[in-house]
Amino acid sequence: MTQTPTWVKHGTPVLVAGACGGAGATTTTLGLANVAAGQGITAVAIDATPAGGDLADRGADQVLASNGIEQLLASATGGEISDEAFMLASSHTATNARILHRAGDALANETDFRRIAAYLKSRRADAIYDLGHRIGARYLRSLVSTPGAAIVLAVPCRVDAFNRMRANLDAIGRVAGEAALKRTVVAISNQDANGWPVDVDMLRGYLEGRIGAIEQIPYDQHLASGIVIAHDALAPATVAAYEKLAEVAAELVES
């Protein structure tokens, strides 16, 4: 019997984008990184937003590094990133997931992520990228078009966000090809404490046959509080949803 994978194969990038601002891309990136780290995987969550977001501020519940991606790359000798520089630039979660954030005023560029990816590959570490909500941006094209990459599109459970999602799916198809949509998981996050405000089954019917899967992330008071996220403070249903999301993404990539 074939065992269901619980994480993507080593070296497969996981790309998390948001359908709009506040979609939950950052919290989903952290949730997946913590799930991977909990399985003993060397997981590194990377801020791939244009000018830097709050990935480390939201997720570094153990160590918040003062250095970031800019300092990490600037310290490289002969283009080689050292382990010491990586340790200085990486924040930590309590699960031992690492976080690389931007700590300067330079905009993200394609070369940055190529250099970081090469280093992580040499250290057998797996990357989970927070792309923000501009998945079609030019500097992200090489990441998005990576053969076999797992793609997660975070969408808040709102009608307006469902409408905006179409442009993101079109961008994935345009940059990476329609086949990439078959390994794309749409993660619907509920941000309403009173229940699911929109019938997700309607969206399933609309997207059936175009994307790989739809998964749901339930409302979580700890996430909604806006404080630093501690994985062990999440509701069991939220942790289970992130674990299921990781499994589904891995299955789609394998198939």
Foldseek 3Di string as FASTA:
>chain_A
DDDQDLFAPFLAAEEEEELAPPLCSLVLLLLLLLSCLLVVAAEEEEEQEFFWDCNCQQAQPDFRALAALVQQQVPADVLHGDPVSQVNQWGAAPSGHTYGTHNDGHTDAQVSVVSVSVNCVVVRHYYYYRHYHCCLDPRNLVVLQPPLHAYEYRFELDPVSLVSVVVVLVSSCVRRNQLNQLLYEYEYEYQDPVDRPDDCVVVCVVCPPRHNYYAYAYHWPQVNVSHHDHNVNTDPSRSVRSSVVRSSSNVSSVD
